[in-house]
Amino acid sequence: MLDNSAGERSWAKCRACHQVGPTARNGVGPHLNGLFGRVAGSVEGYAYSPANKASGLSWDNASFARYIQDPRGAMPGTKMVFAGIKNEQEIRDLAAFLKQYAADGKQGQ
């Protein structure tokens, strides 16, 4: 079972660098609106690492889970400095929270 409220609490670990929602902008990291189904390294206006741009990765449940557990292990050369989230349920809840945001930042998916 997925818990969007738990995912929102987990989002607190991400929001120092990332934003979601209608007013989301790129910051230390790219905005995460419309993340699932998007090709890695494709948010306009964000300066991705060469590793991210060349990964060919398309974000889905499996790729997100691998990456968020250990970003530097999953994508050597990434700029993302984050220890990772190891708890599988927390990862699923965070993914459910992020999936609420369409590419335009509107919530409700």
Protein backbone atom coordinates (compact mmCIF):
# COMPACT_ATOMS: atom_id res chain seq x y z
CA MET A 1 0.00 0.00 0.00
CA LEU A 2 1.28 3.46 -0.90
CA ASP A 3 1.12 6.39 1.48
CA ASN A 4 1.29 9.85 -0.10
CA SER A 5 1.52 11.47 3.35
CA ALA A 6 4.58 9.38 4.16
CA GLY A 7 5.96 10.24 0.72
CA GLU A 8 5.47 13.93 1.46
CA ARG A 9 7.38 13.53 4.72
CA SER A 10 10.19 11.79 2.83
CA TRP A 11 10.13 14.66 0.31
CA ALA A 12 11.59 16.82 3.11
CA LYS A 13 14.91 15.08 2.34
CA CYS A 14 14.72 16.25 -1.29
CA ARG A 15 13.31 19.74 -1.16
CA ALA A 16 16.55 21.45 -0.18
CA CYS A 17 17.68 20.84 -3.78
CA HIS A 18 14.51 20.05 -5.78
CA GLN A 19 11.08 21.60 -6.21
CA VAL A 20 7.66 20.37 -7.37
CA GLY A 21 4.43 22.18 -8.06
CA PRO A 22 3.18 24.93 -10.35
CA THR A 23 5.90 27.39 -9.34
CA ALA A 24 8.75 24.84 -9.27
CA ARG A 25 12.06 25.99 -10.67
CA ASN A 26 15.46 24.44 -11.09
CA GLY A 27 17.77 25.05 -8.17
CA VAL A 28 20.68 22.99 -6.93
CA GLY A 29 18.86 20.15 -8.69
CA PRO A 30 16.26 20.14 -11.46
CA HIS A 31 12.55 20.46 -10.67
CA LEU A 32 10.88 17.07 -10.43
CA ASN A 33 7.51 17.83 -12.03
CA GLY A 34 6.61 15.07 -14.45
CA LEU A 35 9.61 12.99 -13.41
CA PHE A 36 8.15 9.56 -14.19
CA GLY A 37 8.31 8.86 -17.90
CA ARG A 38 10.84 11.62 -18.47
CA VAL A 39 14.30 10.97 -19.91
CA ALA A 40 17.13 11.71 -17.46
CA GLY A 41 18.99 14.92 -18.14
CA SER A 42 16.17 16.53 -20.10
CA VAL A 43 14.80 19.39 -17.98
CA GLU A 44 15.37 22.56 -19.95
CA GLY A 45 17.59 25.11 -18.26
CA TYR A 46 19.32 22.74 -15.84
CA ALA A 47 23.07 22.04 -16.17
CA TYR A 48 23.22 18.26 -15.78
CA SER A 49 26.38 16.25 -15.37
CA PRO A 50 27.65 14.54 -18.53
CA ALA A 51 26.90 11.21 -16.84
CA ASN A 52 23.25 12.12 -16.37
CA LYS A 53 22.81 13.49 -19.89
CA ALA A 54 24.47 10.42 -21.44
CA SER A 55 22.69 7.84 -19.28
CA GLY A 56 19.79 7.25 -21.67
CA LEU A 57 17.75 6.48 -18.56
CA SER A 58 13.99 6.93 -18.57
CA TRP A 59 12.53 7.40 -15.12
CA ASP A 60 10.17 4.67 -13.98
CA ASN A 61 9.60 2.90 -10.66
CA ALA A 62 12.61 0.60 -11.02
CA SER A 63 15.10 3.21 -12.24
CA PHE A 64 13.96 5.71 -9.60
CA ALA A 65 14.30 3.10 -6.83
CA ARG A 66 17.83 2.13 -7.93
CA TYR A 67 18.90 5.76 -8.24
CA ILE A 68 17.41 7.08 -4.99
CA GLN A 69 18.94 4.21 -2.99
CA ASP A 70 22.45 5.20 -4.06
CA PRO A 71 22.65 8.00 -6.64
CA ARG A 72 26.41 7.88 -7.16
CA GLY A 73 26.45 4.10 -7.31
CA ALA A 74 23.56 3.96 -9.76
CA MET A 75 24.95 6.74 -11.97
CA PRO A 76 28.70 7.24 -11.50
CA GLY A 77 29.57 10.85 -12.26
CA THR A 78 26.23 12.32 -11.22
CA LYS A 79 26.32 15.71 -9.50
CA MET A 80 23.72 14.59 -6.96
CA VAL A 81 25.23 14.47 -3.50
CA PHE A 82 22.78 12.46 -1.44
CA ALA A 83 23.35 9.47 0.82
CA GLY A 84 20.25 7.74 -0.51
CA ILE A 85 17.08 6.25 0.89
CA LYS A 86 17.44 2.57 1.70
CA ASN A 87 13.93 1.71 2.92
CA GLU A 88 11.93 0.24 0.03
CA GLN A 89 8.54 1.33 1.38
CA GLU A 90 9.80 4.88 1.84
CA ILE A 91 11.02 4.85 -1.78
CA ARG A 92 7.61 3.64 -3.02
CA ASP A 93 5.83 6.30 -0.95
CA LEU A 94 8.16 9.03 -2.23
CA ALA A 95 7.56 7.88 -5.81
CA ALA A 96 3.78 8.01 -5.23
CA PHE A 97 4.12 11.55 -3.89
CA LEU A 98 6.17 12.67 -6.90
CA LYS A 99 3.80 11.02 -9.38
CA GLN A 100 1.09 13.44 -8.26
CA TYR A 101 2.87 16.25 -10.13
CA ALA A 102 2.38 16.52 -13.88
CA ALA A 103 4.99 18.12 -16.12
CA ASP A 104 3.23 21.48 -15.70
CA GLY A 105 3.37 21.11 -11.91
CA LYS A 106 -0.34 20.60 -11.46
CA GLN A 107 -1.17 18.14 -8.74
CA GLY A 108 -3.77 15.45 -8.99
CA GLN A 109 -2.47 12.60 -11.09
